[in-house]
Amino acid sequence: MATLLLNASYEPLRVISTRRAVVLVLQEKAEILEESEDVYHSASTAVPVPAVIKLKYFVQVPYRARIPLSNAAVLRRDRHECCYCTKRRGTTVDHVMPRARGGKHEWENVVAACSKCNAAKADKTIEELRWEMRFKPYVPHGTKWLLVGMKESAAWEPYLVTAGA
């Protein structure tokens, strides 16, 4: 299980383990905003398992200009939809301009693709194949991208207001 950690300003910081979240609450460094239905028990106390906690003090966060590029992030950005066909689920990542032809490994050049389209495309360009892209790749922005690869909790949704996520 995981817990969403918010700054004192309600800005999402990261996802932490529930064990770490309980420790922060017990140390009175954070307060519980949303609880799950589970409870941690000890010999002398019971603590509700937090789904969302907020720090009691503000933490300065260094500015991150770009979201880190990963296969999981690309698949999530493209909603696991193949960029080239409508028939299959996108399970692989393809370089629009193949790396063998000088294409860069960057957000604007990678898309989700089904394995069949990815294999058929190989190191060809979409112009050579006369294919069309269903959507244009872009750099994602917003706090929701902190959660790439995480199973989101419904309790987190009100705290993840983003633009372009």
C-alpha atoms as a PDB file:
ATOM      1  CA  MET A   1       0.000   0.000   0.000  1.00  0.00           C
ATOM      2  CA  ALA A   2       1.037   3.587  -0.538  1.00  0.00           C
ATOM      3  CA  THR A   3       0.216   7.026   0.836  1.00  0.00           C
ATOM      4  CA  LEU A   4       0.192  10.372  -0.936  1.00  0.00           C
ATOM      5  CA  LEU A   5       2.386  12.919   0.873  1.00  0.00           C
ATOM      6  CA  LEU A   6       1.401  16.583   0.581  1.00  0.00           C
ATOM      7  CA  ASN A   7       3.428  19.642   1.499  1.00  0.00           C
ATOM      8  CA  ALA A   8       2.006  22.054   4.093  1.00  0.00           C
ATOM      9  CA  SER A   9       0.691  24.029   1.093  1.00  0.00           C
ATOM     10  CA  TYR A  10      -1.269  20.937  -0.096  1.00  0.00           C
ATOM     11  CA  GLU A  11       1.106  20.484  -3.048  1.00  0.00           C
ATOM     12  CA  PRO A  12       1.694  16.778  -3.771  1.00  0.00           C
ATOM     13  CA  LEU A  13       5.300  15.868  -2.986  1.00  0.00           C
ATOM     14  CA  ARG A  14       5.555  12.135  -3.554  1.00  0.00           C
ATOM     15  CA  VAL A  15       4.106   8.730  -2.795  1.00  0.00           C
ATOM     16  CA  ILE A  16       5.520   7.015   0.296  1.00  0.00           C
ATOM     17  CA  SER A  17       4.960   3.683   1.997  1.00  0.00           C
ATOM     18  CA  THR A  18       2.126   3.506   4.502  1.00  0.00           C
ATOM     19  CA  ARG A  19       4.639   2.476   7.155  1.00  0.00           C
ATOM     20  CA  ARG A  20       6.597   5.718   6.608  1.00  0.00           C
ATOM     21  CA  ALA A  21       3.333   7.680   6.634  1.00  0.00           C
ATOM     22  CA  VAL A  22       2.313   6.191   9.994  1.00  0.00           C
ATOM     23  CA  VAL A  23       5.745   7.051  11.431  1.00  0.00           C
ATOM     24  CA  LEU A  24       5.384  10.669  10.272  1.00  0.00           C
ATOM     25  CA  VAL A  25       1.935  10.863  11.881  1.00  0.00           C
ATOM     26  CA  LEU A  26       3.130   9.298  15.149  1.00  0.00           C
ATOM     27  CA  GLN A  27       6.089  11.714  15.244  1.00  0.00           C
ATOM     28  CA  GLU A  28       3.554  14.533  14.782  1.00  0.00           C
ATOM     29  CA  LYS A  29       5.327  15.726  11.646  1.00  0.00           C
ATOM     30  CA  ALA A  30       2.230  15.105   9.519  1.00  0.00           C
ATOM     31  CA  GLU A  31      -1.528  14.912   9.866  1.00  0.00           C
ATOM     32  CA  ILE A  32      -3.937  12.472   8.237  1.00  0.00           C
ATOM     33  CA  LEU A  33      -6.279  14.016   5.662  1.00  0.00           C
ATOM     34  CA  GLU A  34      -7.766  10.810   4.249  1.00  0.00           C
ATOM     35  CA  GLU A  35      -7.847   7.374   5.851  1.00  0.00           C
ATOM     36  CA  SER A  36      -8.139   3.951   4.281  1.00  0.00           C
ATOM     37  CA  GLU A  37     -10.307   1.266   5.842  1.00  0.00           C
ATOM     38  CA  ASP A  38      -7.259  -0.532   7.288  1.00  0.00           C
ATOM     39  CA  VAL A  39      -5.791  -0.029  10.776  1.00  0.00           C
ATOM     40  CA  TYR A  40      -2.294  -0.654  12.137  1.00  0.00           C
ATOM     41  CA  HIS A  41      -2.352  -2.171  15.638  1.00  0.00           C
ATOM     42  CA  SER A  42       0.329  -2.223  18.304  1.00  0.00           C
ATOM     43  CA  ALA A  43       0.252  -3.458  21.884  1.00  0.00           C
ATOM     44  CA  SER A  44      -1.005  -0.106  23.158  1.00  0.00           C
ATOM     45  CA  THR A  45      -2.603   1.738  20.242  1.00  0.00           C
ATOM     46  CA  ALA A  46      -4.341   1.497  16.900  1.00  0.00           C
ATOM     47  CA  VAL A  47      -3.562   3.899  14.076  1.00  0.00           C
ATOM     48  CA  PRO A  48      -5.705   4.240  10.946  1.00  0.00           C
ATOM     49  CA  VAL A  49      -3.716   3.627   7.776  1.00  0.00           C
ATOM     50  CA  PRO A  50      -3.475   6.983   6.007  1.00  0.00           C
ATOM     51  CA  ALA A  51      -4.302   7.324   2.310  1.00  0.00           C
ATOM     52  CA  VAL A  52      -3.281  11.018   2.221  1.00  0.00           C
ATOM     53  CA  ILE A  53      -1.164  12.930   4.743  1.00  0.00           C
ATOM     54  CA  LYS A  54      -0.038  16.563   4.914  1.00  0.00           C
ATOM     55  CA  LEU A  55       3.207  17.768   6.454  1.00  0.00           C
ATOM     56  CA  LYS A  56       2.827  20.263   9.303  1.00  0.00           C
ATOM     57  CA  TYR A  57       5.756  22.309   7.981  1.00  0.00           C
ATOM     58  CA  PHE A  58       6.604  23.576   4.503  1.00  0.00           C
ATOM     59  CA  VAL A  59       9.371  21.773   2.579  1.00  0.00           C
ATOM     60  CA  GLN A  60      11.183  23.648  -0.199  1.00  0.00           C
ATOM     61  CA  VAL A  61      11.084  21.518  -3.347  1.00  0.00           C
ATOM     62  CA  PRO A  62      13.692  22.031  -6.067  1.00  0.00           C
ATOM     63  CA  TYR A  63      12.127  22.952  -9.411  1.00  0.00           C
ATOM     64  CA  ARG A  64      12.101  20.065 -11.868  1.00  0.00           C
ATOM     65  CA  ALA A  65      11.921  21.363 -15.431  1.00  0.00           C
ATOM     66  CA  ARG A  66      10.894  18.073 -17.076  1.00  0.00           C
ATOM     67  CA  ILE A  67       9.265  14.853 -16.004  1.00  0.00           C
ATOM     68  CA  PRO A  68      11.799  11.984 -16.304  1.00  0.00           C
ATOM     69  CA  LEU A  69      11.303   9.900 -19.457  1.00  0.00           C
ATOM     70  CA  SER A  70      10.559   6.213 -18.896  1.00  0.00           C
ATOM     71  CA  ASN A  71       8.620   3.495 -20.696  1.00  0.00           C
ATOM     72  CA  ALA A  72       5.976   3.464 -17.954  1.00  0.00           C
ATOM     73  CA  ALA A  73       5.543   7.227 -18.254  1.00  0.00           C
ATOM     74  CA  VAL A  74       5.169   7.083 -22.053  1.00  0.00           C
ATOM     75  CA  LEU A  75       2.575   4.295 -21.838  1.00  0.00           C
ATOM     76  CA  ARG A  76       0.661   6.223 -19.212  1.00  0.00           C
ATOM     77  CA  ARG A  77       0.817   9.500 -21.149  1.00  0.00           C
ATOM     78  CA  ASP A  78      -0.613   7.733 -24.219  1.00  0.00           C
ATOM     79  CA  ARG A  79      -3.211   5.859 -22.108  1.00  0.00           C
ATOM     80  CA  HIS A  80      -1.821   2.515 -23.351  1.00  0.00           C
ATOM     81  CA  GLU A  81      -3.287   3.248 -26.803  1.00  0.00           C
ATOM     82  CA  CYS A  82      -1.321   2.367 -29.929  1.00  0.00           C
ATOM     83  CA  CYS A  83      -0.371   5.558 -31.771  1.00  0.00           C
ATOM     84  CA  TYR A  84      -0.630   3.846 -35.171  1.00  0.00           C
ATOM     85  CA  CYS A  85      -3.708   1.614 -35.053  1.00  0.00           C
ATOM     86  CA  THR A  86      -7.000   1.434 -33.184  1.00  0.00           C
ATOM     87  CA  LYS A  87      -7.120  -2.345 -32.888  1.00  0.00           C
ATOM     88  CA  ARG A  88      -4.645  -3.181 -30.144  1.00  0.00           C
ATOM     89  CA  ARG A  89      -3.403  -1.923 -26.802  1.00  0.00           C
ATOM     90  CA  GLY A  90      -0.084  -0.066 -26.739  1.00  0.00           C
ATOM     91  CA  THR A  91       2.328  -2.205 -24.739  1.00  0.00           C
ATOM     92  CA  THR A  92       5.680  -1.108 -26.192  1.00  0.00           C
ATOM     93  CA  VAL A  93       7.420   2.209 -26.799  1.00  0.00           C
ATOM     94  CA  ASP A  94       8.377   3.259 -30.337  1.00  0.00           C
ATOM     95  CA  HIS A  95      10.629   6.061 -31.581  1.00  0.00           C
ATOM     96  CA  VAL A  96       8.739   8.038 -34.241  1.00  0.00           C
ATOM     97  CA  MET A  97      12.031   8.977 -35.908  1.00  0.00           C
ATOM     98  CA  PRO A  98      14.050   5.783 -35.371  1.00  0.00           C
ATOM     99  CA  ARG A  99      17.203   6.108 -33.320  1.00  0.00           C
ATOM    100  CA  ALA A 100      19.061   4.317 -36.109  1.00  0.00           C
ATOM    101  CA  ARG A 101      18.201   7.329 -38.268  1.00  0.00           C
ATOM    102  CA  GLY A 102      19.280   9.945 -35.745  1.00  0.00           C
ATOM    103  CA  GLY A 103      16.059  10.171 -33.723  1.00  0.00           C
ATOM    104  CA  LYS A 104      16.481  11.241 -30.104  1.00  0.00           C
ATOM    105  CA  HIS A 105      15.198   9.441 -27.044  1.00  0.00           C
ATOM    106  CA  GLU A 106      12.976  12.293 -25.839  1.00  0.00           C
ATOM    107  CA  TRP A 107       9.315  12.866 -25.036  1.00  0.00           C
ATOM    108  CA  GLU A 108       8.502  14.418 -28.422  1.00  0.00           C
ATOM    109  CA  ASN A 109       9.875  11.388 -30.303  1.00  0.00           C
ATOM    110  CA  VAL A 110       8.433   8.412 -28.383  1.00  0.00           C
ATOM    111  CA  VAL A 111       4.920   6.968 -28.442  1.00  0.00           C
ATOM    112  CA  ALA A 112       3.079   3.906 -27.205  1.00  0.00           C
ATOM    113  CA  ALA A 113       2.618   1.225 -29.851  1.00  0.00           C
ATOM    114  CA  CYS A 114       1.235  -2.288 -29.977  1.00  0.00           C
ATOM    115  CA  SER A 115       3.881  -4.945 -30.542  1.00  0.00           C
ATOM    116  CA  LYS A 116       2.558  -5.720 -34.040  1.00  0.00           C
ATOM    117  CA  CYS A 117       2.831  -2.091 -35.243  1.00  0.00           C
ATOM    118  CA  ASN A 118       6.174  -1.641 -33.511  1.00  0.00           C
ATOM    119  CA  ALA A 119       7.594  -4.732 -35.268  1.00  0.00           C
ATOM    120  CA  ALA A 120       6.143  -3.691 -38.642  1.00  0.00           C
ATOM    121  CA  LYS A 121       7.554  -0.172 -38.319  1.00  0.00           C
ATOM    122  CA  ALA A 122      11.033  -1.394 -37.310  1.00  0.00           C
ATOM    123  CA  ASP A 123      13.544   1.309 -38.304  1.00  0.00           C
ATOM    124  CA  LYS A 124      11.332   2.950 -40.935  1.00  0.00           C
ATOM    125  CA  THR A 125       9.730   6.386 -40.704  1.00  0.00           C
ATOM    126  CA  ILE A 126       5.968   6.846 -40.747  1.00  0.00           C
ATOM    127  CA  GLU A 127       6.318   8.707 -44.072  1.00  0.00           C
ATOM    128  CA  GLU A 128       7.978   5.678 -45.682  1.00  0.00           C
ATOM    129  CA  LEU A 129       5.161   3.453 -44.461  1.00  0.00           C
ATOM    130  CA  ARG A 130       2.505   6.065 -45.278  1.00  0.00           C
ATOM    131  CA  TRP A 131       1.109   5.710 -41.769  1.00  0.00           C
ATOM    132  CA  GLU A 132      -0.573   8.425 -39.769  1.00  0.00           C
ATOM    133  CA  MET A 133      -0.144   9.047 -36.083  1.00  0.00           C
ATOM    134  CA  ARG A 134      -3.364   9.107 -34.067  1.00  0.00           C
ATOM    135  CA  PHE A 135      -1.915  11.684 -31.653  1.00  0.00           C
ATOM    136  CA  LYS A 136       1.160  13.861 -31.338  1.00  0.00           C
ATOM    137  CA  PRO A 137       3.704  13.060 -28.592  1.00  0.00           C
ATOM    138  CA  TYR A 138       4.189  15.786 -25.963  1.00  0.00           C
ATOM    139  CA  VAL A 139       6.048  16.479 -22.741  1.00  0.00           C
ATOM    140  CA  PRO A 140       3.682  15.816 -19.793  1.00  0.00           C
ATOM    141  CA  HIS A 141       3.306  18.398 -17.043  1.00  0.00           C
ATOM    142  CA  GLY A 142       1.660  18.428 -13.634  1.00  0.00           C
ATOM    143  CA  THR A 143       1.757  16.772 -10.262  1.00  0.00           C
ATOM    144  CA  LYS A 144      -0.152  13.691 -11.383  1.00  0.00           C
ATOM    145  CA  TRP A 145       3.049  12.495 -13.061  1.00  0.00           C
ATOM    146  CA  LEU A 146       4.502  11.848  -9.600  1.00  0.00           C
ATOM    147  CA  LEU A 147       2.393   8.699  -9.658  1.00  0.00           C
ATOM    148  CA  VAL A 148       3.703   6.982 -12.759  1.00  0.00           C
ATOM    149  CA  GLY A 149       3.612   3.257 -12.165  1.00  0.00           C
ATOM    150  CA  MET A 150       1.579   3.604  -8.963  1.00  0.00           C
ATOM    151  CA  LYS A 151      -1.908   2.241  -8.473  1.00  0.00           C
ATOM    152  CA  GLU A 152      -3.807   5.417  -7.658  1.00  0.00           C
ATOM    153  CA  SER A 153      -6.216   5.595  -4.777  1.00  0.00           C
ATOM    154  CA  ALA A 154      -9.582   7.327  -5.231  1.00  0.00           C
ATOM    155  CA  ALA A 155      -8.780   9.290  -2.057  1.00  0.00           C
ATOM    156  CA  TRP A 156      -5.873  10.961  -3.882  1.00  0.00           C
ATOM    157  CA  GLU A 157      -7.929  12.461  -6.728  1.00  0.00           C
ATOM    158  CA  PRO A 158      -8.979  15.748  -5.021  1.00  0.00           C
ATOM    159  CA  TYR A 159      -5.316  16.501  -4.275  1.00  0.00           C
ATOM    160  CA  LEU A 160      -4.028  15.896  -7.792  1.00  0.00           C
ATOM    161  CA  VAL A 161      -5.470  18.828  -9.701  1.00  0.00           C
ATOM    162  CA  THR A 162      -3.311  19.233 -12.801  1.00  0.00           C
ATOM    163  CA  ALA A 163      -3.245  20.804 -16.208  1.00  0.00           C
ATOM    164  CA  GLY A 164      -2.310  18.590 -19.117  1.00  0.00           C
ATOM    165  CA  ALA A 165      -2.240  15.360 -17.110  1.00  0.00           C
END
